Amino acid sequence: MLIGELSRRTGVSERLLRYYERVELIRSERLPNGYRDYAPETVETVRRIRALLAAGLSTRIIRRILPCASGEGMLRPCPGVLDSLRDQLTVLDQRAADLAEARELLRQTIAATENATAP
């Protein structure tokens, strides 16, 4: 399948698909005319990539995890995968805590400002 078709089937821009290929998340064969030709299963691979990116994983981590993907969001046991996922969860937990703290500080600032300007 050509890159335009892959883009239509996944909703991912051709530019982003070329990036995924450059960072070795997907691969294509080159046709004699130089066009990229993707295997049909690349559609599912791109969907997995999008889901893993949405979960906050970097393309570097995704490149390690993709060979372990077995469908339905499940991963086969591969060396280091669980450690990578746990590390990412720790990062997300810290971000969530930092955001909660910033949110509370903003609420307090708003309340203090409203109280100071009240008649």
PDB file of N, CA and C in Angstrom:
ATOM      1  N   MET A   1       0.848  -1.161   0.000  1.00  0.00           N
ATOM      2  CA  MET A   1       0.000   0.000   0.000  1.00  0.00           C
ATOM      3  C   MET A   1       0.898   1.229   0.000  1.00  0.00           C
ATOM      4  N   LEU A   2       0.507   2.232  -0.778  1.00  0.00           N
ATOM      5  CA  LEU A   2       1.287   3.460  -0.865  1.00  0.00           C
ATOM      6  C   LEU A   2       1.032   4.336   0.358  1.00  0.00           C
ATOM      7  N   ILE A   3       1.890   5.314   0.566  1.00  0.00           N
ATOM      8  CA  ILE A   3       1.830   6.147   1.757  1.00  0.00           C
ATOM      9  C   ILE A   3       0.509   6.919   1.857  1.00  0.00           C
ATOM     10  N   GLY A   4      -0.030   7.347   0.732  1.00  0.00           N
ATOM     11  CA  GLY A   4      -1.309   8.065   0.748  1.00  0.00           C
ATOM     12  C   GLY A   4      -2.434   7.192   1.286  1.00  0.00           C
ATOM     13  N   GLU A   5      -2.451   5.944   0.872  1.00  0.00           N
ATOM     14  CA  GLU A   5      -3.469   5.008   1.355  1.00  0.00           C
ATOM     15  C   GLU A   5      -3.280   4.733   2.845  1.00  0.00           C
ATOM     16  N   LEU A   6      -2.040   4.550   3.274  1.00  0.00           N
ATOM     17  CA  LEU A   6      -1.770   4.331   4.695  1.00  0.00           C
ATOM     18  C   LEU A   6      -2.223   5.541   5.506  1.00  0.00           C
ATOM     19  N   SER A   7      -1.970   6.705   4.991  1.00  0.00           N
ATOM     20  CA  SER A   7      -2.402   7.935   5.658  1.00  0.00           C
ATOM     21  C   SER A   7      -3.925   7.984   5.776  1.00  0.00           C
ATOM     22  N   ARG A   8      -4.621   7.679   4.706  1.00  0.00           N
ATOM     23  CA  ARG A   8      -6.098   7.688   4.725  1.00  0.00           C
ATOM     24  C   ARG A   8      -6.647   6.655   5.707  1.00  0.00           C
ATOM     25  N   ARG A   9      -6.039   5.474   5.727  1.00  0.00           N
ATOM     26  CA  ARG A   9      -6.558   4.393   6.581  1.00  0.00           C
ATOM     27  C   ARG A   9      -6.260   4.599   8.057  1.00  0.00           C
ATOM     28  N   THR A  10      -5.228   5.376   8.368  1.00  0.00           N
ATOM     29  CA  THR A  10      -4.857   5.576   9.771  1.00  0.00           C
ATOM     30  C   THR A  10      -5.188   6.966  10.299  1.00  0.00           C
ATOM     31  N   GLY A  11      -5.419   7.913   9.396  1.00  0.00           N
ATOM     32  CA  GLY A  11      -5.651   9.290   9.820  1.00  0.00           C
ATOM     33  C   GLY A  11      -4.369  10.011  10.225  1.00  0.00           C
ATOM     34  N   VAL A  12      -3.233   9.444   9.874  1.00  0.00           N
ATOM     35  CA  VAL A  12      -1.932  10.022  10.204  1.00  0.00           C
ATOM     36  C   VAL A  12      -1.358  10.637   8.934  1.00  0.00           C
ATOM     37  N   SER A  13      -0.820  11.840   9.049  1.00  0.00           N
ATOM     38  CA  SER A  13      -0.300  12.529   7.868  1.00  0.00           C
ATOM     39  C   SER A  13       0.865  11.776   7.242  1.00  0.00           C
ATOM     40  N   GLU A  14       1.043  11.989   5.957  1.00  0.00           N
ATOM     41  CA  GLU A  14       2.168  11.366   5.253  1.00  0.00           C
ATOM     42  C   GLU A  14       3.489  11.816   5.868  1.00  0.00           C
ATOM     43  N   ARG A  15       3.570  13.067   6.235  1.00  0.00           N
ATOM     44  CA  ARG A  15       4.802  13.583   6.848  1.00  0.00           C
ATOM     45  C   ARG A  15       5.131  12.815   8.131  1.00  0.00           C
ATOM     46  N   LEU A  16       4.115  12.589   8.964  1.00  0.00           N
ATOM     47  CA  LEU A  16       4.338  11.865  10.211  1.00  0.00           C
ATOM     48  C   LEU A  16       4.692  10.401   9.943  1.00  0.00           C
ATOM     49  N   LEU A  17       4.079   9.811   8.929  1.00  0.00           N
ATOM     50  CA  LEU A  17       4.430   8.436   8.565  1.00  0.00           C
ATOM     51  C   LEU A  17       5.886   8.342   8.122  1.00  0.00           C
ATOM     52  N   ARG A  18       6.359   9.336   7.368  1.00  0.00           N
ATOM     53  CA  ARG A  18       7.774   9.336   6.972  1.00  0.00           C
ATOM     54  C   ARG A  18       8.673   9.472   8.203  1.00  0.00           C
ATOM     55  N   TYR A  19       8.233  10.267   9.178  1.00  0.00           N
ATOM     56  CA  TYR A  19       8.988  10.388  10.426  1.00  0.00           C
ATOM     57  C   TYR A  19       9.037   9.036  11.147  1.00  0.00           C
ATOM     58  N   TYR A  20       7.884   8.367  11.242  1.00  0.00           N
ATOM     59  CA  TYR A  20       7.856   7.045  11.891  1.00  0.00           C
ATOM     60  C   TYR A  20       8.833   6.100  11.210  1.00  0.00           C
ATOM     61  N   GLU A  21       8.923   6.198   9.914  1.00  0.00           N
ATOM     62  CA  GLU A  21       9.856   5.337   9.193  1.00  0.00           C
ATOM     63  C   GLU A  21      11.302   5.742   9.488  1.00  0.00           C
ATOM     64  N   ARG A  22      11.560   7.044   9.533  1.00  0.00           N
ATOM     65  CA  ARG A  22      12.916   7.523   9.800  1.00  0.00           C
ATOM     66  C   ARG A  22      13.418   7.085  11.179  1.00  0.00           C
ATOM     67  N   VAL A  23      12.504   7.052  12.180  1.00  0.00           N
ATOM     68  CA  VAL A  23      12.906   6.630  13.530  1.00  0.00           C
ATOM     69  C   VAL A  23      12.690   5.135  13.744  1.00  0.00           C
ATOM     70  N   GLU A  24      12.442   4.421  12.662  1.00  0.00           N
ATOM     71  CA  GLU A  24      12.368   2.953  12.633  1.00  0.00           C
ATOM     72  C   GLU A  24      11.206   2.364  13.425  1.00  0.00           C
ATOM     73  N   LEU A  25      10.071   3.055  13.404  1.00  0.00           N
ATOM     74  CA  LEU A  25       8.859   2.491  13.999  1.00  0.00           C
ATOM     75  C   LEU A  25       8.090   1.666  12.970  1.00  0.00           C
ATOM     76  N   ILE A  26       8.166   2.066  11.729  1.00  0.00           N
ATOM     77  CA  ILE A  26       7.566   1.308  10.625  1.00  0.00           C
ATOM     78  C   ILE A  26       8.612   1.202   9.519  1.00  0.00           C
ATOM     79  N   ARG A  27       8.353   0.314   8.573  1.00  0.00           N
ATOM     80  CA  ARG A  27       9.264   0.215   7.438  1.00  0.00           C
ATOM     81  C   ARG A  27       8.467  -0.023   6.160  1.00  0.00           C
ATOM     82  N   SER A  28       9.116   0.296   5.073  1.00  0.00           N
ATOM     83  CA  SER A  28       8.497   0.100   3.767  1.00  0.00           C
ATOM     84  C   SER A  28       9.534  -0.476   2.817  1.00  0.00           C
ATOM     85  N   GLU A  29       9.037  -1.007   1.742  1.00  0.00           N
ATOM     86  CA  GLU A  29       9.890  -1.412   0.629  1.00  0.00           C
ATOM     87  C   GLU A  29       9.776  -0.302  -0.410  1.00  0.00           C
ATOM     88  N   ARG A  30      10.818  -0.152  -1.191  1.00  0.00           N
ATOM     89  CA  ARG A  30      10.780   0.843  -2.259  1.00  0.00           C
ATOM     90  C   ARG A  30      10.420   0.163  -3.571  1.00  0.00           C
ATOM     91  N   LEU A  31       9.429   0.721  -4.234  1.00  0.00           N
ATOM     92  CA  LEU A  31       9.046   0.243  -5.562  1.00  0.00           C
ATOM     93  C   LEU A  31      10.058   0.760  -6.580  1.00  0.00           C
ATOM     94  N   PRO A  32      10.082   0.186  -7.784  1.00  0.00           N
ATOM     95  CA  PRO A  32      11.044   0.650  -8.799  1.00  0.00           C
ATOM     96  C   PRO A  32      10.952   2.153  -9.081  1.00  0.00           C
ATOM     97  N   ASN A  33       9.757   2.734  -8.902  1.00  0.00           N
ATOM     98  CA  ASN A  33       9.599   4.168  -9.139  1.00  0.00           C
ATOM     99  C   ASN A  33       9.989   5.011  -7.918  1.00  0.00           C
ATOM    100  N   GLY A  34      10.454   4.371  -6.843  1.00  0.00           N
ATOM    101  CA  GLY A  34      10.891   5.083  -5.644  1.00  0.00           C
ATOM    102  C   GLY A  34       9.812   5.270  -4.597  1.00  0.00           C
ATOM    103  N   TYR A  35       8.574   4.930  -4.925  1.00  0.00           N
ATOM    104  CA  TYR A  35       7.481   5.077  -3.963  1.00  0.00           C
ATOM    105  C   TYR A  35       7.644   4.081  -2.824  1.00  0.00           C
ATOM    106  N   ARG A  36       7.163   4.489  -1.667  1.00  0.00           N
ATOM    107  CA  ARG A  36       7.160   3.589  -0.513  1.00  0.00           C
ATOM    108  C   ARG A  36       5.971   2.637  -0.638  1.00  0.00           C
ATOM    109  N   ASP A  37       6.217   1.378  -0.304  1.00  0.00           N
ATOM    110  CA  ASP A  37       5.164   0.360  -0.323  1.00  0.00           C
ATOM    111  C   ASP A  37       5.112  -0.282   1.063  1.00  0.00           C
ATOM    112  N   TYR A  38       3.980  -0.108   1.747  1.00  0.00           N
ATOM    113  CA  TYR A  38       3.822  -0.612   3.110  1.00  0.00           C
ATOM    114  C   TYR A  38       3.000  -1.892   3.117  1.00  0.00           C
ATOM    115  N   ALA A  39       3.370  -2.796   3.995  1.00  0.00           N
ATOM    116  CA  ALA A  39       2.616  -4.038   4.169  1.00  0.00           C
ATOM    117  C   ALA A  39       1.268  -3.716   4.816  1.00  0.00           C
ATOM    118  N   PRO A  40       0.238  -4.522   4.566  1.00  0.00           N
ATOM    119  CA  PRO A  40      -1.091  -4.266   5.138  1.00  0.00           C
ATOM    120  C   PRO A  40      -1.091  -4.163   6.668  1.00  0.00           C
ATOM    121  N   GLU A  41      -0.229  -4.937   7.342  1.00  0.00           N
ATOM    122  CA  GLU A  41      -0.214  -4.910   8.812  1.00  0.00           C
ATOM    123  C   GLU A  41       0.341  -3.594   9.372  1.00  0.00           C
ATOM    124  N   THR A  42       0.895  -2.755   8.511  1.00  0.00           N
ATOM    125  CA  THR A  42       1.405  -1.464   8.966  1.00  0.00           C
ATOM    126  C   THR A  42       0.283  -0.584   9.507  1.00  0.00           C
ATOM    127  N   VAL A  43      -0.926  -0.778   9.009  1.00  0.00           N
ATOM    128  CA  VAL A  43      -2.073  -0.012   9.519  1.00  0.00           C
ATOM    129  C   VAL A  43      -2.213  -0.247  11.025  1.00  0.00           C
ATOM    130  N   GLU A  44      -2.190  -1.492  11.437  1.00  0.00           N
ATOM    131  CA  GLU A  44      -2.315  -1.816  12.864  1.00  0.00           C
ATOM    132  C   GLU A  44      -1.102  -1.315  13.645  1.00  0.00           C
ATOM    133  N   THR A  45       0.067  -1.402  13.057  1.00  0.00           N
ATOM    134  CA  THR A  45       1.274  -0.903  13.725  1.00  0.00           C
ATOM    135  C   THR A  45       1.154   0.593  13.988  1.00  0.00           C
ATOM    136  N   VAL A  46       0.694   1.338  13.000  1.00  0.00           N
ATOM    137  CA  VAL A  46       0.530   2.790  13.176  1.00  0.00           C
ATOM    138  C   VAL A  46      -0.504   3.072  14.269  1.00  0.00           C
ATOM    139  N   ARG A  47      -1.560   2.304  14.312  1.00  0.00           N
ATOM    140  CA  ARG A  47      -2.563   2.487  15.376  1.00  0.00           C
ATOM    141  C   ARG A  47      -1.952   2.223  16.755  1.00  0.00           C
ATOM    142  N   ARG A  48      -1.116   1.208  16.859  1.00  0.00           N
ATOM    143  CA  ARG A  48      -0.424   0.929  18.132  1.00  0.00           C
ATOM    144  C   ARG A  48       0.500   2.078  18.510  1.00  0.00           C
ATOM    145  N   ILE A  49       1.223   2.575  17.528  1.00  0.00           N
ATOM    146  CA  ILE A  49       2.127   3.702  17.779  1.00  0.00           C
ATOM    147  C   ILE A  49       1.339   4.878  18.325  1.00  0.00           C
ATOM    148  N   ARG A  50       0.224   5.195  17.693  1.00  0.00           N
ATOM    149  CA  ARG A  50      -0.596   6.333  18.142  1.00  0.00           C
ATOM    150  C   ARG A  50      -1.101   6.117  19.566  1.00  0.00           C
ATOM    151  N   ALA A  51      -1.510   4.903  19.889  1.00  0.00           N
ATOM    152  CA  ALA A  51      -2.002   4.606  21.240  1.00  0.00           C
ATOM    153  C   ALA A  51      -0.877   4.739  22.262  1.00  0.00           C
ATOM    154  N   LEU A  52       0.307   4.243  21.923  1.00  0.00           N
ATOM    155  CA  LEU A  52       1.437   4.317  22.846  1.00  0.00           C
ATOM    156  C   LEU A  52       1.906   5.759  23.019  1.00  0.00           C
ATOM    157  N   LEU A  53       1.878   6.551  21.955  1.00  0.00           N
ATOM    158  CA  LEU A  53       2.203   7.965  22.079  1.00  0.00           C
ATOM    159  C   LEU A  53       1.185   8.674  22.974  1.00  0.00           C
ATOM    160  N   ALA A  54      -0.089   8.331  22.807  1.00  0.00           N
ATOM    161  CA  ALA A  54      -1.135   8.928  23.640  1.00  0.00           C
ATOM    162  C   ALA A  54      -0.956   8.558  25.109  1.00  0.00           C
ATOM    163  N   ALA A  55      -0.333   7.412  25.365  1.00  0.00           N
ATOM    164  CA  ALA A  55      -0.068   6.990  26.740  1.00  0.00           C
ATOM    165  C   ALA A  55       1.169   7.678  27.314  1.00  0.00           C
ATOM    166  N   GLY A  56       1.789   8.539  26.515  1.00  0.00           N
ATOM    167  CA  GLY A  56       2.912   9.309  27.006  1.00  0.00           C
ATOM    168  C   GLY A  56       4.275   8.705  26.756  1.00  0.00           C
ATOM    169  N   LEU A  57       4.339   7.653  25.957  1.00  0.00           N
ATOM    170  CA  LEU A  57       5.634   7.017  25.683  1.00  0.00           C
ATOM    171  C   LEU A  57       6.359   7.757  24.565  1.00  0.00           C
ATOM    172  N   SER A  58       7.664   7.781  24.656  1.00  0.00           N
ATOM    173  CA  SER A  58       8.472   8.409  23.607  1.00  0.00           C
ATOM    174  C   SER A  58       8.645   7.429  22.449  1.00  0.00           C
ATOM    175  N   THR A  59       9.029   7.952  21.298  1.00  0.00           N
ATOM    176  CA  THR A  59       9.264   7.070  20.146  1.00  0.00           C
ATOM    177  C   THR A  59      10.431   6.124  20.427  1.00  0.00           C
ATOM    178  N   ARG A  60      11.381   6.560  21.234  1.00  0.00           N
ATOM    179  CA  ARG A  60      12.512   5.688  21.599  1.00  0.00           C
ATOM    180  C   ARG A  60      12.010   4.458  22.355  1.00  0.00           C
ATOM    181  N   ILE A  61      11.121   4.673  23.308  1.00  0.00           N
ATOM    182  CA  ILE A  61      10.569   3.546  24.074  1.00  0.00           C
ATOM    183  C   ILE A  61       9.654   2.705  23.179  1.00  0.00           C
ATOM    184  N   ILE A  62       8.861   3.359  22.368  1.00  0.00           N
ATOM    185  CA  ILE A  62       7.940   2.636  21.477  1.00  0.00           C
ATOM    186  C   ILE A  62       8.717   1.711  20.544  1.00  0.00           C
ATOM    187  N   ARG A  63       9.854   2.166  20.065  1.00  0.00           N
ATOM    188  CA  ARG A  63      10.670   1.329  19.167  1.00  0.00           C
ATOM    189  C   ARG A  63      11.079   0.031  19.868  1.00  0.00           C
ATOM    190  N   ARG A  64      11.332   0.099  21.178  1.00  0.00           N
ATOM    191  CA  ARG A  64      11.682  -1.107  21.937  1.00  0.00           C
ATOM    192  C   ARG A  64      10.467  -1.990  22.199  1.00  0.00           C
ATOM    193  N   ILE A  65       9.301  -1.373  22.327  1.00  0.00           N
ATOM    194  CA  ILE A  65       8.095  -2.104  22.715  1.00  0.00           C
ATOM    195  C   ILE A  65       7.387  -2.753  21.522  1.00  0.00           C
ATOM    196  N   LEU A  66       7.404  -2.106  20.380  1.00  0.00           N
ATOM    197  CA  LEU A  66       6.647  -2.607  19.221  1.00  0.00           C
ATOM    198  C   LEU A  66       6.895  -4.075  18.887  1.00  0.00           C
ATOM    199  N   PRO A  67       8.130  -4.555  18.925  1.00  0.00           N
ATOM    200  CA  PRO A  67       8.326  -5.976  18.611  1.00  0.00           C
ATOM    201  C   PRO A  67       7.627  -6.914  19.600  1.00  0.00           C
ATOM    202  N   CYS A  68       7.231  -6.394  20.744  1.00  0.00           N
ATOM    203  CA  CYS A  68       6.576  -7.208  21.770  1.00  0.00           C
ATOM    204  C   CYS A  68       5.057  -7.137  21.679  1.00  0.00           C
ATOM    205  N   ALA A  69       4.532  -6.273  20.816  1.00  0.00           N
ATOM    206  CA  ALA A  69       3.081  -6.096  20.706  1.00  0.00           C
ATOM    207  C   ALA A  69       2.446  -7.335  20.101  1.00  0.00           C
ATOM    208  N   SER A  70       1.330  -7.742  20.703  1.00  0.00           N
ATOM    209  CA  SER A  70       0.653  -8.941  20.209  1.00  0.00           C
ATOM    210  C   SER A  70      -0.824  -8.687  19.930  1.00  0.00           C
ATOM    211  N   GLY A  71      -1.243  -7.434  19.903  1.00  0.00           N
ATOM    212  CA  GLY A  71      -2.632  -7.102  19.627  1.00  0.00           C
ATOM    213  C   GLY A  71      -3.434  -6.902  20.894  1.00  0.00           C
ATOM    214  N   GLU A  72      -4.591  -6.256  20.735  1.00  0.00           N
ATOM    215  CA  GLU A  72      -5.509  -6.016  21.850  1.00  0.00           C
ATOM    216  C   GLU A  72      -4.837  -5.277  23.002  1.00  0.00           C
ATOM    217  N   GLY A  73      -3.801  -4.497  22.727  1.00  0.00           N
ATOM    218  CA  GLY A  73      -3.121  -3.747  23.765  1.00  0.00           C
ATOM    219  C   GLY A  73      -2.217  -4.570  24.652  1.00  0.00           C
ATOM    220  N   MET A  74      -2.038  -5.825  24.314  1.00  0.00           N
ATOM    221  CA  MET A  74      -1.206  -6.709  25.125  1.00  0.00           C
ATOM    222  C   MET A  74       0.222  -6.742  24.586  1.00  0.00           C
ATOM    223  N   LEU A  75       1.157  -7.005  25.484  1.00  0.00           N
ATOM    224  CA  LEU A  75       2.558  -7.151  25.105  1.00  0.00           C
ATOM    225  C   LEU A  75       3.065  -8.503  25.556  1.00  0.00           C
ATOM    226  N   ARG A  76       3.855  -9.130  24.708  1.00  0.00           N
ATOM    227  CA  ARG A  76       4.533 -10.360  25.118  1.00  0.00           C
ATOM    228  C   ARG A  76       5.681  -9.960  26.030  1.00  0.00           C
ATOM    229  N   PRO A  77       6.083 -10.844  26.918  1.00  0.00           N
ATOM    230  CA  PRO A  77       7.223 -10.514  27.771  1.00  0.00           C
ATOM    231  C   PRO A  77       8.504 -10.375  26.937  1.00  0.00           C
ATOM    232  N   CYS A  78       9.054  -9.195  26.923  1.00  0.00           N
ATOM    233  CA  CYS A  78      10.316  -8.933  26.241  1.00  0.00           C
ATOM    234  C   CYS A  78      11.249  -8.270  27.253  1.00  0.00           C
ATOM    235  N   PRO A  79      12.532  -8.516  27.140  1.00  0.00           N
ATOM    236  CA  PRO A  79      13.474  -7.936  28.103  1.00  0.00           C
ATOM    237  C   PRO A  79      13.362  -6.416  28.174  1.00  0.00           C
ATOM    238  N   GLY A  80      13.201  -5.920  29.387  1.00  0.00           N
ATOM    239  CA  GLY A  80      13.195  -4.487  29.620  1.00  0.00           C
ATOM    240  C   GLY A  80      11.894  -3.763  29.386  1.00  0.00           C
ATOM    241  N   VAL A  81      10.909  -4.415  28.782  1.00  0.00           N
ATOM    242  CA  VAL A  81       9.668  -3.725  28.447  1.00  0.00           C
ATOM    243  C   VAL A  81       8.916  -3.296  29.697  1.00  0.00           C
ATOM    244  N   LEU A  82       8.743  -4.212  30.627  1.00  0.00           N
ATOM    245  CA  LEU A  82       8.019  -3.842  31.854  1.00  0.00           C
ATOM    246  C   LEU A  82       8.738  -2.745  32.613  1.00  0.00           C
ATOM    247  N   ASP A  83      10.048  -2.793  32.660  1.00  0.00           N
ATOM    248  CA  ASP A  83      10.800  -1.734  33.332  1.00  0.00           C
ATOM    249  C   ASP A  83      10.566  -0.389  32.651  1.00  0.00           C
ATOM    250  N   SER A  84      10.573  -0.375  31.332  1.00  0.00           N
ATOM    251  CA  SER A  84      10.321   0.870  30.592  1.00  0.00           C
ATOM    252  C   SER A  84       8.928   1.399  30.877  1.00  0.00           C
ATOM    253  N   LEU A  85       7.944   0.510  30.890  1.00  0.00           N
ATOM    254  CA  LEU A  85       6.575   0.929  31.151  1.00  0.00           C
ATOM    255  C   LEU A  85       6.410   1.435  32.581  1.00  0.00           C
ATOM    256  N   ARG A  86       7.033   0.750  33.527  1.00  0.00           N
ATOM    257  CA  ARG A  86       6.961   1.205  34.920  1.00  0.00           C
ATOM    258  C   ARG A  86       7.644   2.560  35.090  1.00  0.00           C
ATOM    259  N   ASP A  87       8.782   2.743  34.440  1.00  0.00           N
ATOM    260  CA  ASP A  87       9.467   4.034  34.501  1.00  0.00           C
ATOM    261  C   ASP A  87       8.585   5.143  33.946  1.00  0.00           C
ATOM    262  N   GLN A  88       7.913   4.874  32.841  1.00  0.00           N
ATOM    263  CA  GLN A  88       7.039   5.883  32.247  1.00  0.00           C
ATOM    264  C   GLN A  88       5.858   6.176  33.158  1.00  0.00           C
ATOM    265  N   LEU A  89       5.330   5.164  33.817  1.00  0.00           N
ATOM    266  CA  LEU A  89       4.232   5.367  34.757  1.00  0.00           C
ATOM    267  C   LEU A  89       4.680   6.258  35.913  1.00  0.00           C
ATOM    268  N   THR A  90       5.895   6.056  36.395  1.00  0.00           N
ATOM    269  CA  THR A  90       6.432   6.904  37.459  1.00  0.00           C
ATOM    270  C   THR A  90       6.526   8.357  36.998  1.00  0.00           C
ATOM    271  N   VAL A  91       6.991   8.560  35.767  1.00  0.00           N
ATOM    272  CA  VAL A  91       7.080   9.910  35.207  1.00  0.00           C
ATOM    273  C   VAL A  91       5.691  10.544  35.138  1.00  0.00           C
ATOM    274  N   LEU A  92       4.712   9.794  34.641  1.00  0.00           N
ATOM    275  CA  LEU A  92       3.347  10.327  34.536  1.00  0.00           C
ATOM    276  C   LEU A  92       2.749  10.614  35.905  1.00  0.00           C
ATOM    277  N   ASP A  93       3.006   9.746  36.874  1.00  0.00           N
ATOM    278  CA  ASP A  93       2.523   9.983  38.236  1.00  0.00           C
ATOM    279  C   ASP A  93       3.107  11.278  38.797  1.00  0.00           C
ATOM    280  N   GLN A  94       4.398  11.515  38.548  1.00  0.00           N
ATOM    281  CA  GLN A  94       5.030  12.746  39.044  1.00  0.00           C
ATOM    282  C   GLN A  94       4.439  13.967  38.351  1.00  0.00           C
ATOM    283  N   ARG A  95       4.208  13.865  37.048  1.00  0.00           N
ATOM    284  CA  ARG A  95       3.584  14.979  36.318  1.00  0.00           C
ATOM    285  C   ARG A  95       2.201  15.270  36.870  1.00  0.00           C
ATOM    286  N   ALA A  96       1.443  14.223  37.137  1.00  0.00           N
ATOM    287  CA  ALA A  96       0.092  14.393  37.682  1.00  0.00           C
ATOM    288  C   ALA A  96       0.152  15.068  39.046  1.00  0.00           C
ATOM    289  N   ALA A  97       1.101  14.678  39.879  1.00  0.00           N
ATOM    290  CA  ALA A  97       1.245  15.300  41.196  1.00  0.00           C
ATOM    291  C   ALA A  97       1.649  16.765  41.053  1.00  0.00           C
ATOM    292  N   ASP A  98       2.565  17.055  40.140  1.00  0.00           N
ATOM    293  CA  ASP A  98       2.985  18.441  39.916  1.00  0.00           C
ATOM    294  C   ASP A  98       1.822  19.292  39.413  1.00  0.00           C
ATOM    295  N   LEU A  99       1.030  18.741  38.516  1.00  0.00           N
ATOM    296  CA  LEU A  99      -0.137  19.473  38.007  1.00  0.00           C
ATOM    297  C   LEU A  99      -1.166  19.704  39.100  1.00  0.00           C
ATOM    298  N   ALA A 100      -1.402  18.709  39.938  1.00  0.00           N
ATOM    299  CA  ALA A 100      -2.362  18.866  41.039  1.00  0.00           C
ATOM    300  C   ALA A 100      -1.901  19.964  41.988  1.00  0.00           C
ATOM    301  N   GLU A 101      -0.605  20.015  42.254  1.00  0.00           N
ATOM    302  CA  GLU A 101      -0.060  21.054  43.128  1.00  0.00           C
ATOM    303  C   GLU A 101      -0.211  22.433  42.486  1.00  0.00           C
ATOM    304  N   ALA A 102       0.098  22.542  41.208  1.00  0.00           N
ATOM    305  CA  ALA A 102      -0.039  23.815  40.501  1.00  0.00           C
ATOM    306  C   ALA A 102      -1.502  24.249  40.453  1.00  0.00           C
ATOM    307  N   ARG A 103      -2.387  23.300  40.254  1.00  0.00           N
ATOM    308  CA  ARG A 103      -3.825  23.601  40.213  1.00  0.00           C
ATOM    309  C   ARG A 103      -4.303  24.142  41.551  1.00  0.00           C
ATOM    310  N   GLU A 104      -3.874  23.518  42.625  1.00  0.00           N
ATOM    311  CA  GLU A 104      -4.273  23.975  43.949  1.00  0.00           C
ATOM    312  C   GLU A 104      -3.725  25.370  44.238  1.00  0.00           C
ATOM    313  N   LEU A 105      -2.492  25.624  43.858  1.00  0.00           N
ATOM    314  CA  LEU A 105      -1.897  26.945  44.046  1.00  0.00           C
ATOM    315  C   LEU A 105      -2.666  28.002  43.252  1.00  0.00           C
ATOM    316  N   LEU A 106      -3.051  27.664  42.047  1.00  0.00           N
ATOM    317  CA  LEU A 106      -3.835  28.592  41.223  1.00  0.00           C
ATOM    318  C   LEU A 106      -5.191  28.862  41.862  1.00  0.00           C
ATOM    319  N   ARG A 107      -5.848  27.833  42.380  1.00  0.00           N
ATOM    320  CA  ARG A 107      -7.133  28.028  43.072  1.00  0.00           C
ATOM    321  C   ARG A 107      -6.977  28.948  44.277  1.00  0.00           C
ATOM    322  N   GLN A 108      -5.914  28.732  45.043  1.00  0.00           N
ATOM    323  CA  GLN A 108      -5.679  29.576  46.214  1.00  0.00           C
ATOM    324  C   GLN A 108      -5.414  31.024  45.807  1.00  0.00           C
ATOM    325  N   THR A 109      -4.666  31.211  44.738  1.00  0.00           N
ATOM    326  CA  THR A 109      -4.379  32.551  44.250  1.00  0.00           C
ATOM    327  C   THR A 109      -5.647  33.243  43.786  1.00  0.00           C
ATOM    328  N   ILE A 110      -6.483  32.528  43.061  1.00  0.00           N
ATOM    329  CA  ILE A 110      -7.761  33.088  42.608  1.00  0.00           C
ATOM    330  C   ILE A 110      -8.613  33.475  43.808  1.00  0.00           C
ATOM    331  N   ALA A 111      -8.724  32.581  44.792  1.00  0.00           N
ATOM    332  CA  ALA A 111      -9.551  32.857  45.979  1.00  0.00           C
ATOM    333  C   ALA A 111      -9.003  34.071  46.737  1.00  0.00           C
ATOM    334  N   ALA A 112      -7.683  34.148  46.907  1.00  0.00           N
ATOM    335  CA  ALA A 112      -7.083  35.269  47.621  1.00  0.00           C
ATOM    336  C   ALA A 112      -7.326  36.569  46.875  1.00  0.00           C
ATOM    337  N   THR A 113      -7.240  36.533  45.560  1.00  0.00           N
ATOM    338  CA  THR A 113      -7.450  37.732  44.734  1.00  0.00           C
ATOM    339  C   THR A 113      -8.909  38.165  44.796  1.00  0.00           C
ATOM    340  N   GLU A 114      -9.817  37.194  44.730  1.00  0.00           N
ATOM    341  CA  GLU A 114     -11.247  37.521  44.826  1.00  0.00           C
ATOM    342  C   GLU A 114     -11.566  38.116  46.189  1.00  0.00           C
ATOM    343  N   ASN A 115     -11.008  37.588  47.259  1.00  0.00           N
ATOM    344  CA  ASN A 115     -11.236  38.097  48.608  1.00  0.00           C
ATOM    345  C   ASN A 115     -10.678  39.501  48.771  1.00  0.00           C
ATOM    346  N   ALA A 116      -9.525  39.780  48.156  1.00  0.00           N
ATOM    347  CA  ALA A 116      -8.898  41.087  48.292  1.00  0.00           C
ATOM    348  C   ALA A 116      -9.669  42.169  47.541  1.00  0.00           C
ATOM    349  N   THR A 117     -10.369  41.776  46.480  1.00  0.00           N
ATOM    350  CA  THR A 117     -11.096  42.767  45.676  1.00  0.00           C
ATOM    351  C   THR A 117     -12.568  42.840  46.042  1.00  0.00           C
ATOM    352  N   ALA A 118     -13.019  42.001  46.949  1.00  0.00           N
ATOM    353  CA  ALA A 118     -14.434  42.026  47.360  1.00  0.00           C
ATOM    354  C   ALA A 118     -14.695  43.258  48.216  1.00  0.00           C
ATOM    355  N   PRO A 119     -15.895  43.902  48.035  1.00  0.00           N
ATOM    356  CA  PRO A 119     -16.211  45.109  48.831  1.00  0.00           C
ATOM    357  C   PRO A 119     -16.423  44.824  50.308  1.00  0.00           C
TER     358      PRO A 119
END
